[in-house]
Amino acid sequence: MKIGEFDIQEGSPCFIIAELSANHNGNLDVALQTIEAAKRAGADAIKLQTYTPDTLTIDVNNDYFKIDSGSLWDGKTLYELYSEAYTPWEWHEALFKKAKDLDLICFSSPFDHSAVDFLHELDVPAYKIASFEIQDIPLIKYAASQGKPMIMSTGIATEDDIELAIKTCRQAGNNEIILLKCTSSYPAPLELANLKTITDMGKRFGVEVGFSDHTYGFIAPVVAVSLGAKVIEKHFILDKSIGGPDADFSLDESEFREMVNAVRDAEKLIGSVDYSVTKKVEKNRKFARSLFVVQDIKKGEVVTDKNVRSIRPGYGMHPKYLDQIIGKPFLTDLSKGTPMKLDYLDV
């Protein structure tokens, strides 16, 4: 599966996405600078969110629409939060151009049909379905019908929700699906991450898997990669001092670069299934054990466990032969410290 020029497949590096979200704080110049910083930090892609307050909710101030979930945004109405957090659509062309100029993949999360159409005109390489839209089957069906890879977060999803979302994509003729394990808590406690689910999701649903992270720091993405995540998504901010709805659990440039380096190191450590001995290791095999003459020997003496032993280094016979040569006579005089060879014995 390819997203832009990035090929997501077995053995390839994981796809690291810097989530812009609301971290522009309503300033286009900050958004553009954030894209530049994401490139410097080693991100493969920058992701936007394409909605307006009116495409997500309505401006009502009753209890149904007030946030009271133990999050950073408690006390606001949904409309107030989305009014503060949304990325103006008139910015998108400039943001996509900036990313393209930097060879940074840019795509977005649509939240209604009009956003899908808008992003289609910008020729996005993929569509991301946010956690809270996993049940919006008409949206998933419409986005999947565009024929681009579908990345879907599972933060609030039940197993049935996930199965239905995947089935909807496939019925639309789209089999290019990536599921992101996600905990829809902002920030997300480590004990709720349950990253073992990543491995299970790949087996259970037959799709590529990744991780959308809302925890503090970047331990979770590194662990996720070790469990098979091929995509990592993490909120990115130019400078936490600018504030904003997502600043608290976002990484700045220095932190994000550290995460990228840690993920890439983890990938090197994981490597592949390989029982061969590298040239470097082969050189060190000389320090392994082998059979050595450990006493001065006269011709005609026999091998005992006292005059021939398994010791380091590894220039003599394999230790597995010791039992077979016990009692065999020596054909020649040998000095202590001679690597044992079968040629020295009358066998």
C-alpha atoms as a PDB file:
ATOM      1  CA  MET A   1       0.000   0.000   0.000  1.00  0.00           C
ATOM      2  CA  LYS A   2       1.351   3.408  -0.954  1.00  0.00           C
ATOM      3  CA  ILE A   3       0.495   6.766   0.577  1.00  0.00           C
ATOM      4  CA  GLY A   4       1.999   9.271  -1.759  1.00  0.00           C
ATOM      5  CA  GLU A   5       5.480   7.945  -2.418  1.00  0.00           C
ATOM      6  CA  PHE A   6       5.653   6.117   0.914  1.00  0.00           C
ATOM      7  CA  ASP A   7       5.306   2.349   0.605  1.00  0.00           C
ATOM      8  CA  ILE A   8       3.767   0.677   3.654  1.00  0.00           C
ATOM      9  CA  GLN A   9       4.662  -2.983   3.600  1.00  0.00           C
ATOM     10  CA  GLU A  10       6.372  -5.727   5.561  1.00  0.00           C
ATOM     11  CA  GLY A  11       9.963  -4.762   6.255  1.00  0.00           C
ATOM     12  CA  SER A  12       9.564  -1.089   5.408  1.00  0.00           C
ATOM     13  CA  PRO A  13      10.040   1.709   7.960  1.00  0.00           C
ATOM     14  CA  CYS A  14       6.875   2.790   9.726  1.00  0.00           C
ATOM     15  CA  PHE A  15       5.021   5.845   8.426  1.00  0.00           C
ATOM     16  CA  ILE A  16       5.360   8.678  10.951  1.00  0.00           C
ATOM     17  CA  ILE A  17       2.622  11.312  10.873  1.00  0.00           C
ATOM     18  CA  ALA A  18       2.814  14.690  12.594  1.00  0.00           C
ATOM     19  CA  GLU A  19      -0.764  15.675  13.505  1.00  0.00           C
ATOM     20  CA  LEU A  20      -1.218  19.452  13.182  1.00  0.00           C
ATOM     21  CA  SER A  21      -4.735  19.421  14.613  1.00  0.00           C
ATOM     22  CA  ALA A  22      -5.426  22.718  16.401  1.00  0.00           C
ATOM     23  CA  ASN A  23      -1.784  23.484  17.062  1.00  0.00           C
ATOM     24  CA  HIS A  24      -1.726  26.447  14.686  1.00  0.00           C
ATOM     25  CA  ASN A  25      -3.702  28.437  17.284  1.00  0.00           C
ATOM     26  CA  GLY A  26      -5.604  30.225  14.534  1.00  0.00           C
ATOM     27  CA  ASN A  27      -2.494  31.619  12.844  1.00  0.00           C
ATOM     28  CA  LEU A  28      -1.616  30.610   9.277  1.00  0.00           C
ATOM     29  CA  ASP A  29       2.030  31.591   9.665  1.00  0.00           C
ATOM     30  CA  VAL A  30       2.303  29.343  12.724  1.00  0.00           C
ATOM     31  CA  ALA A  31       0.748  26.508  10.717  1.00  0.00           C
ATOM     32  CA  LEU A  32       3.277  26.963   7.913  1.00  0.00           C
ATOM     33  CA  GLN A  33       6.176  27.120  10.352  1.00  0.00           C
ATOM     34  CA  THR A  34       4.858  23.974  12.040  1.00  0.00           C
ATOM     35  CA  ILE A  35       4.995  22.089   8.756  1.00  0.00           C
ATOM     36  CA  GLU A  36       8.605  23.196   8.279  1.00  0.00           C
ATOM     37  CA  ALA A  37       9.443  22.073  11.819  1.00  0.00           C
ATOM     38  CA  ALA A  38       7.748  18.694  11.272  1.00  0.00           C
ATOM     39  CA  LYS A  39       9.955  18.105   8.251  1.00  0.00           C
ATOM     40  CA  ARG A  40      13.060  18.989  10.250  1.00  0.00           C
ATOM     41  CA  ALA A  41      11.941  16.666  13.022  1.00  0.00           C
ATOM     42  CA  GLY A  42      11.840  13.694  10.658  1.00  0.00           C
ATOM     43  CA  ALA A  43       8.106  13.265  10.054  1.00  0.00           C
ATOM     44  CA  ASP A  44       7.046  11.490   6.872  1.00  0.00           C
ATOM     45  CA  ALA A  45       3.713  13.312   6.734  1.00  0.00           C
ATOM     46  CA  ILE A  46       1.721  16.185   8.153  1.00  0.00           C
ATOM     47  CA  LYS A  47      -1.972  15.634   8.783  1.00  0.00           C
ATOM     48  CA  LEU A  48      -4.692  18.251   8.987  1.00  0.00           C
ATOM     49  CA  GLN A  49      -8.321  18.133  10.094  1.00  0.00           C
ATOM     50  CA  THR A  50     -10.903  19.417   7.636  1.00  0.00           C
ATOM     51  CA  TYR A  51     -14.113  20.573   9.270  1.00  0.00           C
ATOM     52  CA  THR A  52     -15.949  23.645  10.481  1.00  0.00           C
ATOM     53  CA  PRO A  53     -17.915  23.906  13.724  1.00  0.00           C
ATOM     54  CA  ASP A  54     -21.104  23.634  11.682  1.00  0.00           C
ATOM     55  CA  THR A  55     -20.063  20.448   9.883  1.00  0.00           C
ATOM     56  CA  LEU A  56     -19.411  18.746  13.228  1.00  0.00           C
ATOM     57  CA  THR A  57     -22.175  19.976  15.515  1.00  0.00           C
ATOM     58  CA  ILE A  58     -24.656  22.786  16.180  1.00  0.00           C
ATOM     59  CA  ASP A  59     -24.355  25.888  18.334  1.00  0.00           C
ATOM     60  CA  VAL A  60     -26.425  24.838  21.335  1.00  0.00           C
ATOM     61  CA  ASN A  61     -25.591  25.407  24.993  1.00  0.00           C
ATOM     62  CA  ASN A  62     -27.613  22.697  26.720  1.00  0.00           C
ATOM     63  CA  ASP A  63     -26.086  19.828  28.691  1.00  0.00           C
ATOM     64  CA  TYR A  64     -26.022  17.509  25.701  1.00  0.00           C
ATOM     65  CA  PHE A  65     -23.476  19.714  23.987  1.00  0.00           C
ATOM     66  CA  LYS A  66     -21.281  20.596  26.980  1.00  0.00           C
ATOM     67  CA  ILE A  67     -18.010  18.716  27.462  1.00  0.00           C
ATOM     68  CA  ASP A  68     -17.854  16.921  30.790  1.00  0.00           C
ATOM     69  CA  SER A  69     -15.624  13.904  30.281  1.00  0.00           C
ATOM     70  CA  GLY A  70     -12.608  14.587  32.463  1.00  0.00           C
ATOM     71  CA  SER A  71     -10.668  16.022  29.536  1.00  0.00           C
ATOM     72  CA  LEU A  72      -8.685  19.216  29.098  1.00  0.00           C
ATOM     73  CA  TRP A  73     -11.731  20.774  27.453  1.00  0.00           C
ATOM     74  CA  ASP A  74     -14.344  20.335  30.168  1.00  0.00           C
ATOM     75  CA  GLY A  75     -16.694  23.285  30.504  1.00  0.00           C
ATOM     76  CA  LYS A  76     -16.725  24.217  26.824  1.00  0.00           C
ATOM     77  CA  THR A  77     -19.510  23.401  24.431  1.00  0.00           C
ATOM     78  CA  LEU A  78     -18.641  21.312  21.418  1.00  0.00           C
ATOM     79  CA  TYR A  79     -19.270  24.309  19.179  1.00  0.00           C
ATOM     80  CA  GLU A  80     -16.896  26.460  21.238  1.00  0.00           C
ATOM     81  CA  LEU A  81     -14.144  23.858  21.091  1.00  0.00           C
ATOM     82  CA  TYR A  82     -14.430  23.300  17.347  1.00  0.00           C
ATOM     83  CA  SER A  83     -14.583  27.047  16.706  1.00  0.00           C
ATOM     84  CA  GLU A  84     -11.267  27.349  18.514  1.00  0.00           C
ATOM     85  CA  ALA A  85      -9.659  24.272  17.000  1.00  0.00           C
ATOM     86  CA  TYR A  86     -10.629  24.089  13.331  1.00  0.00           C
ATOM     87  CA  THR A  87      -8.257  24.763  10.450  1.00  0.00           C
ATOM     88  CA  PRO A  88      -9.767  27.288   8.018  1.00  0.00           C
ATOM     89  CA  TRP A  89     -10.422  25.690   4.676  1.00  0.00           C
ATOM     90  CA  GLU A  90      -8.940  28.660   2.855  1.00  0.00           C
ATOM     91  CA  TRP A  91      -5.585  27.752   4.407  1.00  0.00           C
ATOM     92  CA  HIS A  92      -5.483  24.237   2.994  1.00  0.00           C
ATOM     93  CA  GLU A  93      -4.056  25.053  -0.422  1.00  0.00           C
ATOM     94  CA  ALA A  94      -1.149  26.975   1.134  1.00  0.00           C
ATOM     95  CA  LEU A  95      -0.525  24.229   3.687  1.00  0.00           C
ATOM     96  CA  PHE A  96      -0.549  21.498   1.051  1.00  0.00           C
ATOM     97  CA  LYS A  97       1.814  23.526  -1.139  1.00  0.00           C
ATOM     98  CA  LYS A  98       4.216  24.100   1.734  1.00  0.00           C
ATOM     99  CA  ALA A  99       4.281  20.370   2.463  1.00  0.00           C
ATOM    100  CA  LYS A 100       4.801  19.506  -1.203  1.00  0.00           C
ATOM    101  CA  ASP A 101       7.681  21.974  -1.485  1.00  0.00           C
ATOM    102  CA  LEU A 102       9.315  20.190   1.454  1.00  0.00           C
ATOM    103  CA  ASP A 103       8.652  16.671   0.060  1.00  0.00           C
ATOM    104  CA  LEU A 104       6.401  16.063   3.045  1.00  0.00           C
ATOM    105  CA  ILE A 105       3.228  14.046   2.462  1.00  0.00           C
ATOM    106  CA  CYS A 106       0.106  15.987   3.409  1.00  0.00           C
ATOM    107  CA  PHE A 107      -3.396  14.640   3.930  1.00  0.00           C
ATOM    108  CA  SER A 108      -6.335  15.221   6.230  1.00  0.00           C
ATOM    109  CA  SER A 109      -9.295  13.913   8.198  1.00  0.00           C
ATOM    110  CA  PRO A 110     -12.607  14.801   6.556  1.00  0.00           C
ATOM    111  CA  PHE A 111     -15.629  15.055   8.839  1.00  0.00           C
ATOM    112  CA  ASP A 112     -18.423  15.224   6.277  1.00  0.00           C
ATOM    113  CA  HIS A 113     -19.071  14.694   2.574  1.00  0.00           C
ATOM    114  CA  SER A 114     -18.208  18.287   1.683  1.00  0.00           C
ATOM    115  CA  ALA A 115     -14.771  17.864   3.279  1.00  0.00           C
ATOM    116  CA  VAL A 116     -14.193  14.672   1.281  1.00  0.00           C
ATOM    117  CA  ASP A 117     -15.020  16.577  -1.914  1.00  0.00           C
ATOM    118  CA  PHE A 118     -12.826  19.499  -0.894  1.00  0.00           C
ATOM    119  CA  LEU A 119      -9.868  17.221  -0.158  1.00  0.00           C
ATOM    120  CA  HIS A 120     -10.457  15.305  -3.390  1.00  0.00           C
ATOM    121  CA  GLU A 121      -9.880  18.556  -5.270  1.00  0.00           C
ATOM    122  CA  LEU A 122      -6.557  18.869  -3.430  1.00  0.00           C
ATOM    123  CA  ASP A 123      -5.646  15.325  -4.560  1.00  0.00           C
ATOM    124  CA  VAL A 124      -5.000  13.963  -1.088  1.00  0.00           C
ATOM    125  CA  PRO A 125      -3.103  10.629  -1.059  1.00  0.00           C
ATOM    126  CA  ALA A 126      -5.250   9.165   1.746  1.00  0.00           C
ATOM    127  CA  TYR A 127      -8.224   9.843   4.001  1.00  0.00           C
ATOM    128  CA  LYS A 128      -8.036   9.574   7.781  1.00  0.00           C
ATOM    129  CA  ILE A 129     -11.195   8.749   9.695  1.00  0.00           C
ATOM    130  CA  ALA A 130     -11.021  10.110  13.236  1.00  0.00           C
ATOM    131  CA  SER A 131     -11.913   7.961  16.237  1.00  0.00           C
ATOM    132  CA  PHE A 132     -15.251   9.653  16.869  1.00  0.00           C
ATOM    133  CA  GLU A 133     -16.277   9.194  13.225  1.00  0.00           C
ATOM    134  CA  ILE A 134     -15.735   5.416  13.203  1.00  0.00           C
ATOM    135  CA  GLN A 135     -19.513   4.991  13.462  1.00  0.00           C
ATOM    136  CA  ASP A 136     -20.265   7.448  10.641  1.00  0.00           C
ATOM    137  CA  ILE A 137     -20.784   4.743   8.053  1.00  0.00           C
ATOM    138  CA  PRO A 138     -22.069   7.112   5.327  1.00  0.00           C
ATOM    139  CA  LEU A 139     -18.866   9.193   5.699  1.00  0.00           C
ATOM    140  CA  ILE A 140     -16.632   6.105   5.607  1.00  0.00           C
ATOM    141  CA  LYS A 141     -18.475   4.763   2.568  1.00  0.00           C
ATOM    142  CA  TYR A 142     -18.126   8.049   0.706  1.00  0.00           C
ATOM    143  CA  ALA A 143     -14.450   8.530   1.585  1.00  0.00           C
ATOM    144  CA  ALA A 144     -13.612   4.910   0.713  1.00  0.00           C
ATOM    145  CA  SER A 145     -15.315   5.298  -2.668  1.00  0.00           C
ATOM    146  CA  GLN A 146     -12.644   7.827  -3.664  1.00  0.00           C
ATOM    147  CA  GLY A 147     -10.200   4.942  -4.065  1.00  0.00           C
ATOM    148  CA  LYS A 148      -7.510   6.274  -1.714  1.00  0.00           C
ATOM    149  CA  PRO A 149      -6.053   4.427   1.308  1.00  0.00           C
ATOM    150  CA  MET A 150      -8.254   4.636   4.385  1.00  0.00           C
ATOM    151  CA  ILE A 151      -6.622   5.183   7.772  1.00  0.00           C
ATOM    152  CA  MET A 152      -9.111   4.722  10.609  1.00  0.00           C
ATOM    153  CA  SER A 153      -8.575   5.348  14.325  1.00  0.00           C
ATOM    154  CA  THR A 154     -10.354   2.997  16.702  1.00  0.00           C
ATOM    155  CA  GLY A 155     -10.370   5.045  19.919  1.00  0.00           C
ATOM    156  CA  ILE A 156     -14.061   4.625  20.760  1.00  0.00           C
ATOM    157  CA  ALA A 157     -14.735   1.603  18.574  1.00  0.00           C
ATOM    158  CA  THR A 158     -16.071  -1.751  19.655  1.00  0.00           C
ATOM    159  CA  GLU A 159     -15.047  -4.834  17.711  1.00  0.00           C
ATOM    160  CA  ASP A 160     -18.396  -4.656  15.903  1.00  0.00           C
ATOM    161  CA  ASP A 161     -17.727  -0.989  14.984  1.00  0.00           C
ATOM    162  CA  ILE A 162     -14.370  -1.937  13.498  1.00  0.00           C
ATOM    163  CA  GLU A 163     -15.786  -4.852  11.536  1.00  0.00           C
ATOM    164  CA  LEU A 164     -18.546  -2.657  10.107  1.00  0.00           C
ATOM    165  CA  ALA A 165     -16.110   0.110   9.138  1.00  0.00           C
ATOM    166  CA  ILE A 166     -13.839  -2.371   7.351  1.00  0.00           C
ATOM    167  CA  LYS A 167     -16.794  -4.062   5.657  1.00  0.00           C
ATOM    168  CA  THR A 168     -18.010  -0.642   4.473  1.00  0.00           C
ATOM    169  CA  CYS A 169     -14.630   0.142   2.905  1.00  0.00           C
ATOM    170  CA  ARG A 170     -14.469  -3.210   1.173  1.00  0.00           C
ATOM    171  CA  GLN A 171     -18.028  -2.974  -0.126  1.00  0.00           C
ATOM    172  CA  ALA A 172     -16.992   0.364  -1.641  1.00  0.00           C
ATOM    173  CA  GLY A 173     -14.230  -1.498  -3.482  1.00  0.00           C
ATOM    174  CA  ASN A 174     -11.473  -0.250  -1.207  1.00  0.00           C
ATOM    175  CA  ASN A 175      -9.158  -2.798   0.429  1.00  0.00           C
ATOM    176  CA  GLU A 176      -6.374  -0.367   1.288  1.00  0.00           C
ATOM    177  CA  ILE A 177      -7.144  -0.087   4.993  1.00  0.00           C
ATOM    178  CA  ILE A 178      -5.020   0.816   8.002  1.00  0.00           C
ATOM    179  CA  LEU A 179      -6.397   0.585  11.530  1.00  0.00           C
ATOM    180  CA  LEU A 180      -4.811   2.730  14.227  1.00  0.00           C
ATOM    181  CA  LYS A 181      -5.009   1.573  17.826  1.00  0.00           C
ATOM    182  CA  CYS A 182      -6.014   4.643  19.773  1.00  0.00           C
ATOM    183  CA  THR A 183      -7.142   5.621  23.262  1.00  0.00           C
ATOM    184  CA  SER A 184      -9.664   8.460  23.065  1.00  0.00           C
ATOM    185  CA  SER A 185      -8.562  10.181  26.241  1.00  0.00           C
ATOM    186  CA  TYR A 186      -6.729  13.495  26.141  1.00  0.00           C
ATOM    187  CA  PRO A 187      -4.121  12.941  27.427  1.00  0.00           C
ATOM    188  CA  ALA A 188      -4.298   9.143  27.500  1.00  0.00           C
ATOM    189  CA  PRO A 189      -3.067   7.284  30.613  1.00  0.00           C
ATOM    190  CA  LEU A 190      -0.418   4.669  29.860  1.00  0.00           C
ATOM    191  CA  GLU A 191      -2.410   1.925  31.556  1.00  0.00           C
ATOM    192  CA  LEU A 192      -5.236   2.388  29.045  1.00  0.00           C
ATOM    193  CA  ALA A 193      -3.046   2.016  25.960  1.00  0.00           C
ATOM    194  CA  ASN A 194      -3.349  -1.809  25.734  1.00  0.00           C
ATOM    195  CA  LEU A 195      -0.848  -1.919  22.900  1.00  0.00           C
ATOM    196  CA  LYS A 196      -1.048  -5.710  22.577  1.00  0.00           C
ATOM    197  CA  THR A 197      -4.233  -4.974  20.660  1.00  0.00           C
ATOM    198  CA  ILE A 198      -2.109  -3.762  17.743  1.00  0.00           C
ATOM    199  CA  THR A 199      -0.805  -7.259  17.021  1.00  0.00           C
ATOM    200  CA  ASP A 200      -4.261  -8.766  17.442  1.00  0.00           C
ATOM    201  CA  MET A 201      -5.926  -6.213  15.143  1.00  0.00           C
ATOM    202  CA  GLY A 202      -3.642  -7.123  12.273  1.00  0.00           C
ATOM    203  CA  LYS A 203      -4.407 -10.826  12.643  1.00  0.00           C
ATOM    204  CA  ARG A 204      -8.097 -10.438  13.439  1.00  0.00           C
ATOM    205  CA  PHE A 205      -9.037  -7.999  10.684  1.00  0.00           C
ATOM    206  CA  GLY A 206      -6.428  -8.726   8.007  1.00  0.00           C
ATOM    207  CA  VAL A 207      -5.313  -5.120   7.583  1.00  0.00           C
ATOM    208  CA  GLU A 208      -2.241  -2.995   8.208  1.00  0.00           C
ATOM    209  CA  VAL A 209      -2.080  -1.588  11.728  1.00  0.00           C
ATOM    210  CA  GLY A 210      -0.626   1.419  13.497  1.00  0.00           C
ATOM    211  CA  PHE A 211      -0.964   3.632  16.540  1.00  0.00           C
ATOM    212  CA  SER A 212      -2.468   7.073  17.092  1.00  0.00           C
ATOM    213  CA  ASP A 213      -0.959   8.307  20.331  1.00  0.00           C
ATOM    214  CA  HIS A 214      -2.338  10.726  22.925  1.00  0.00           C
ATOM    215  CA  THR A 215      -0.051   9.767  25.796  1.00  0.00           C
ATOM    216  CA  TYR A 216       2.636  12.036  27.192  1.00  0.00           C
ATOM    217  CA  GLY A 217       6.118  11.495  25.788  1.00  0.00           C
ATOM    218  CA  PHE A 218       6.967   8.858  23.228  1.00  0.00           C
ATOM    219  CA  ILE A 219       7.493   5.541  25.007  1.00  0.00           C
ATOM    220  CA  ALA A 220       4.172   4.302  23.639  1.00  0.00           C
ATOM    221  CA  PRO A 221       5.051   4.790  19.936  1.00  0.00           C
ATOM    222  CA  VAL A 222       8.338   2.922  20.391  1.00  0.00           C
ATOM    223  CA  VAL A 223       6.537   0.006  22.056  1.00  0.00           C
ATOM    224  CA  ALA A 224       3.860   0.117  19.344  1.00  0.00           C
ATOM    225  CA  VAL A 225       6.453  -0.300  16.616  1.00  0.00           C
ATOM    226  CA  SER A 226       7.865  -3.333  18.416  1.00  0.00           C
ATOM    227  CA  LEU A 227       4.363  -4.833  18.308  1.00  0.00           C
ATOM    228  CA  GLY A 228       3.969  -4.368  14.571  1.00  0.00           C
ATOM    229  CA  ALA A 229       2.681  -0.817  14.104  1.00  0.00           C
ATOM    230  CA  LYS A 230       3.394   0.360  10.549  1.00  0.00           C
ATOM    231  CA  VAL A 231       1.995   3.851  11.153  1.00  0.00           C
ATOM    232  CA  ILE A 232       2.617   6.222  14.054  1.00  0.00           C
ATOM    233  CA  GLU A 233       0.534   9.367  14.478  1.00  0.00           C
ATOM    234  CA  LYS A 234       1.456  11.929  17.127  1.00  0.00           C
ATOM    235  CA  HIS A 235       0.277  15.496  17.758  1.00  0.00           C
ATOM    236  CA  PHE A 236       2.947  18.021  16.830  1.00  0.00           C
ATOM    237  CA  ILE A 237       3.321  21.620  17.953  1.00  0.00           C
ATOM    238  CA  LEU A 238       5.771  24.352  17.010  1.00  0.00           C
ATOM    239  CA  ASP A 239       6.090  25.638  20.561  1.00  0.00           C
ATOM    240  CA  LYS A 240       4.000  24.577  23.563  1.00  0.00           C
ATOM    241  CA  SER A 241       3.997  28.141  24.831  1.00  0.00           C
ATOM    242  CA  ILE A 242       1.488  29.101  22.133  1.00  0.00           C
ATOM    243  CA  GLY A 243      -1.089  26.982  23.959  1.00  0.00           C
ATOM    244  CA  GLY A 244      -4.221  25.616  22.355  1.00  0.00           C
ATOM    245  CA  PRO A 245      -6.569  22.660  22.916  1.00  0.00           C
ATOM    246  CA  ASP A 246      -3.983  19.982  22.067  1.00  0.00           C
ATOM    247  CA  ALA A 247      -0.764  21.592  23.286  1.00  0.00           C
ATOM    248  CA  ASP A 248      -0.596  19.608  26.509  1.00  0.00           C
ATOM    249  CA  PHE A 249      -0.154  16.200  24.877  1.00  0.00           C
ATOM    250  CA  SER A 250       1.713  17.319  21.742  1.00  0.00           C
ATOM    251  CA  LEU A 251       5.432  17.035  21.056  1.00  0.00           C
ATOM    252  CA  ASP A 252       7.530  20.008  19.983  1.00  0.00           C
ATOM    253  CA  GLU A 253      10.238  19.763  17.325  1.00  0.00           C
ATOM    254  CA  SER A 254      12.983  18.560  19.647  1.00  0.00           C
ATOM    255  CA  GLU A 255      10.737  15.979  21.331  1.00  0.00           C
ATOM    256  CA  PHE A 256       9.314  14.752  18.028  1.00  0.00           C
ATOM    257  CA  ARG A 257      12.804  14.331  16.559  1.00  0.00           C
ATOM    258  CA  GLU A 258      13.758  12.329  19.633  1.00  0.00           C
ATOM    259  CA  MET A 259      10.682  10.155  19.096  1.00  0.00           C
ATOM    260  CA  VAL A 260      11.523   9.615  15.422  1.00  0.00           C
ATOM    261  CA  ASN A 261      15.090   8.632  16.302  1.00  0.00           C
ATOM    262  CA  ALA A 262      13.856   6.242  18.999  1.00  0.00           C
ATOM    263  CA  VAL A 263      11.356   4.643  16.600  1.00  0.00           C
ATOM    264  CA  ARG A 264      14.008   4.230  13.916  1.00  0.00           C
ATOM    265  CA  ASP A 265      16.377   2.697  16.463  1.00  0.00           C
ATOM    266  CA  ALA A 266      13.603   0.326  17.548  1.00  0.00           C
ATOM    267  CA  GLU A 267      13.116  -0.735  13.928  1.00  0.00           C
ATOM    268  CA  LYS A 268      16.823  -1.518  13.653  1.00  0.00           C
ATOM    269  CA  LEU A 269      16.633  -3.577  16.827  1.00  0.00           C
ATOM    270  CA  ILE A 270      13.578  -5.503  15.620  1.00  0.00           C
ATOM    271  CA  GLY A 271      15.186  -6.305  12.273  1.00  0.00           C
ATOM    272  CA  SER A 272      13.997  -9.581  10.808  1.00  0.00           C
ATOM    273  CA  VAL A 273      14.028 -13.277  11.667  1.00  0.00           C
ATOM    274  CA  ASP A 274      17.643 -14.244  10.975  1.00  0.00           C
ATOM    275  CA  TYR A 275      19.666 -17.136  12.381  1.00  0.00           C
ATOM    276  CA  SER A 276      22.694 -16.494  10.202  1.00  0.00           C
ATOM    277  CA  VAL A 277      25.991 -15.341  11.667  1.00  0.00           C
ATOM    278  CA  THR A 278      27.197 -11.971  10.467  1.00  0.00           C
ATOM    279  CA  LYS A 279      30.806 -11.356   9.533  1.00  0.00           C
ATOM    280  CA  LYS A 280      31.258  -9.318  12.692  1.00  0.00           C
ATOM    281  CA  VAL A 281      29.851 -12.097  14.867  1.00  0.00           C
ATOM    282  CA  GLU A 282      31.853 -14.708  12.943  1.00  0.00           C
ATOM    283  CA  LYS A 283      35.042 -12.919  13.960  1.00  0.00           C
ATOM    284  CA  ASN A 284      33.995 -13.187  17.582  1.00  0.00           C
ATOM    285  CA  ARG A 285      33.411 -16.930  17.340  1.00  0.00           C
ATOM    286  CA  LYS A 286      37.145 -17.319  17.970  1.00  0.00           C
ATOM    287  CA  PHE A 287      36.348 -16.432  21.584  1.00  0.00           C
ATOM    288  CA  ALA A 288      33.939 -19.368  21.894  1.00  0.00           C
ATOM    289  CA  ARG A 289      34.975 -22.609  23.580  1.00  0.00           C
ATOM    290  CA  SER A 290      36.826 -25.414  21.886  1.00  0.00           C
ATOM    291  CA  LEU A 291      38.992 -28.394  22.850  1.00  0.00           C
ATOM    292  CA  PHE A 292      42.560 -27.593  23.890  1.00  0.00           C
ATOM    293  CA  VAL A 293      45.469 -29.616  25.206  1.00  0.00           C
ATOM    294  CA  VAL A 294      45.901 -28.274  28.764  1.00  0.00           C
ATOM    295  CA  GLN A 295      48.912 -30.357  29.867  1.00  0.00           C
ATOM    296  CA  ASP A 296      52.167 -31.278  28.128  1.00  0.00           C
ATOM    297  CA  ILE A 297      51.582 -34.591  26.320  1.00  0.00           C
ATOM    298  CA  LYS A 298      53.911 -37.444  25.383  1.00  0.00           C
ATOM    299  CA  LYS A 299      53.221 -39.714  22.426  1.00  0.00           C
ATOM    300  CA  GLY A 300      51.208 -42.749  23.521  1.00  0.00           C
ATOM    301  CA  GLU A 301      49.383 -41.063  26.384  1.00  0.00           C
ATOM    302  CA  VAL A 302      45.590 -41.198  26.147  1.00  0.00           C
ATOM    303  CA  VAL A 303      43.068 -38.410  26.202  1.00  0.00           C
ATOM    304  CA  THR A 304      41.511 -37.703  29.599  1.00  0.00           C
ATOM    305  CA  ASP A 305      39.247 -34.972  30.883  1.00  0.00           C
ATOM    306  CA  LYS A 306      42.289 -33.600  32.678  1.00  0.00           C
ATOM    307  CA  ASN A 307      44.663 -33.169  29.718  1.00  0.00           C
ATOM    308  CA  VAL A 308      42.035 -32.058  27.178  1.00  0.00           C
ATOM    309  CA  ARG A 309      39.352 -29.561  28.146  1.00  0.00           C
ATOM    310  CA  SER A 310      36.712 -27.317  26.637  1.00  0.00           C
ATOM    311  CA  ILE A 311      38.026 -23.788  27.143  1.00  0.00           C
ATOM    312  CA  ARG A 312      38.210 -20.470  25.388  1.00  0.00           C
ATOM    313  CA  PRO A 313      39.335 -19.566  22.674  1.00  0.00           C
ATOM    314  CA  GLY A 314      37.746 -21.322  19.731  1.00  0.00           C
ATOM    315  CA  TYR A 315      40.637 -22.600  17.597  1.00  0.00           C
ATOM    316  CA  GLY A 316      40.375 -26.269  18.541  1.00  0.00           C
ATOM    317  CA  MET A 317      37.863 -29.057  17.903  1.00  0.00           C
ATOM    318  CA  HIS A 318      34.218 -28.582  18.754  1.00  0.00           C
ATOM    319  CA  PRO A 319      33.511 -29.484  22.406  1.00  0.00           C
ATOM    320  CA  LYS A 320      30.850 -31.963  21.279  1.00  0.00           C
ATOM    321  CA  TYR A 321      33.662 -34.394  20.360  1.00  0.00           C
ATOM    322  CA  LEU A 322      35.183 -34.615  23.851  1.00  0.00           C
ATOM    323  CA  ASP A 323      33.304 -37.744  24.941  1.00  0.00           C
ATOM    324  CA  GLN A 324      34.229 -39.477  21.680  1.00  0.00           C
ATOM    325  CA  ILE A 325      37.978 -38.922  22.026  1.00  0.00           C
ATOM    326  CA  ILE A 326      38.365 -39.761  25.728  1.00  0.00           C
ATOM    327  CA  GLY A 327      40.698 -42.753  25.957  1.00  0.00           C
ATOM    328  CA  LYS A 328      42.187 -42.363  22.468  1.00  0.00           C
ATOM    329  CA  PRO A 329      46.009 -42.389  22.291  1.00  0.00           C
ATOM    330  CA  PHE A 330      48.046 -39.425  21.133  1.00  0.00           C
ATOM    331  CA  LEU A 331      50.217 -39.951  18.039  1.00  0.00           C
ATOM    332  CA  THR A 332      52.675 -37.193  18.897  1.00  0.00           C
ATOM    333  CA  ASP A 333      54.094 -35.044  21.660  1.00  0.00           C
ATOM    334  CA  LEU A 334      52.034 -31.888  22.275  1.00  0.00           C
ATOM    335  CA  SER A 335      52.617 -28.858  24.453  1.00  0.00           C
ATOM    336  CA  LYS A 336      50.118 -27.280  26.798  1.00  0.00           C
ATOM    337  CA  GLY A 337      47.962 -24.714  24.930  1.00  0.00           C
ATOM    338  CA  THR A 338      47.808 -26.586  21.612  1.00  0.00           C
ATOM    339  CA  PRO A 339      44.398 -26.505  19.871  1.00  0.00           C
ATOM    340  CA  MET A 340      43.146 -30.071  19.743  1.00  0.00           C
ATOM    341  CA  LYS A 341      42.827 -31.740  16.315  1.00  0.00           C
ATOM    342  CA  LEU A 342      41.616 -35.202  15.351  1.00  0.00           C
ATOM    343  CA  ASP A 343      44.891 -35.698  13.417  1.00  0.00           C
ATOM    344  CA  TYR A 344      46.765 -35.906  16.744  1.00  0.00           C
ATOM    345  CA  LEU A 345      44.954 -39.093  17.766  1.00  0.00           C
ATOM    346  CA  ASP A 346      44.973 -42.752  16.810  1.00  0.00           C
ATOM    347  CA  VAL A 347      41.291 -43.232  16.030  1.00  0.00           C
END
